[in-house]
Amino acid sequence: MLNRNLIESIDDQPLIQTFWKDSHTGRANPHNLFAYLNHTKVAEHVADWILRS
């Protein structure tokens, strides 16, 4: 996204704790789309980005 100039920067947020599990391994998968959107801060950033677009 940075290379395509779709965003200006990427900032790491605090560790995302998630209950979403990988359907193949059964392990927690914090990089699952649902896990990101389930996190309040991430969801707020995504909603703000959508509203500004």
Protein backbone atom coordinates (compact mmCIF):
# COMPACT_ATOMS: atom_id res chain seq x y z
CA MET A 1 0.00 0.00 0.00
CA LEU A 2 2.90 2.34 0.71
CA ASN A 3 4.54 1.57 -2.65
CA ARG A 4 1.29 2.36 -4.45
CA ASN A 5 0.80 5.61 -2.52
CA LEU A 6 -2.51 4.36 -1.14
CA ILE A 7 -1.49 5.33 2.38
CA GLU A 8 1.01 7.79 3.83
CA SER A 9 2.41 5.63 6.63
CA ILE A 10 2.02 2.44 8.64
CA ASP A 11 2.10 2.75 12.42
CA ASP A 12 2.27 -0.29 14.66
CA GLN A 13 -0.46 -0.40 17.28
CA PRO A 14 -0.36 -2.31 20.59
CA LEU A 15 -0.53 -6.09 20.37
CA ILE A 16 -3.91 -7.28 19.19
CA GLN A 17 -5.38 -9.99 21.39
CA THR A 18 -7.85 -12.06 19.42
CA PHE A 19 -10.08 -15.06 19.85
CA TRP A 20 -10.19 -15.68 16.08
CA LYS A 21 -8.55 -18.97 15.16
CA ASP A 22 -7.02 -20.17 11.91
CA SER A 23 -9.49 -22.66 10.43
CA HIS A 24 -6.69 -25.05 9.37
CA THR A 25 -4.37 -25.03 12.37
CA GLY A 26 -6.71 -23.97 15.19
CA ARG A 27 -4.12 -21.44 16.40
CA ALA A 28 -4.85 -17.78 17.07
CA ASN A 29 -4.36 -15.71 13.95
CA PRO A 30 -4.07 -11.99 14.79
CA HIS A 31 -3.52 -11.20 11.09
CA ASN A 32 -6.95 -12.49 10.12
CA LEU A 33 -9.11 -9.68 8.72
CA PHE A 34 -11.78 -10.31 11.34
CA ALA A 35 -9.21 -10.13 14.13
CA TYR A 36 -8.10 -6.67 13.01
CA LEU A 37 -11.64 -5.36 12.62
CA ASN A 38 -12.62 -6.84 15.98
CA HIS A 39 -10.04 -4.60 17.70
CA THR A 40 -11.68 -1.27 18.64
CA LYS A 41 -8.72 0.96 17.75
CA VAL A 42 -8.14 -0.71 14.39
CA ALA A 43 -11.85 -0.58 13.53
CA GLU A 44 -11.89 3.14 14.38
CA HIS A 45 -8.91 3.80 12.10
CA VAL A 46 -10.50 1.83 9.23
CA ALA A 47 -13.82 3.64 9.67
CA ASP A 48 -12.07 7.03 9.71
CA TRP A 49 -10.12 6.10 6.56
CA ILE A 50 -13.30 5.04 4.77
CA LEU A 51 -15.14 8.20 5.79
CA ARG A 52 -12.28 10.41 4.54
CA SER A 53 -12.14 8.64 1.15
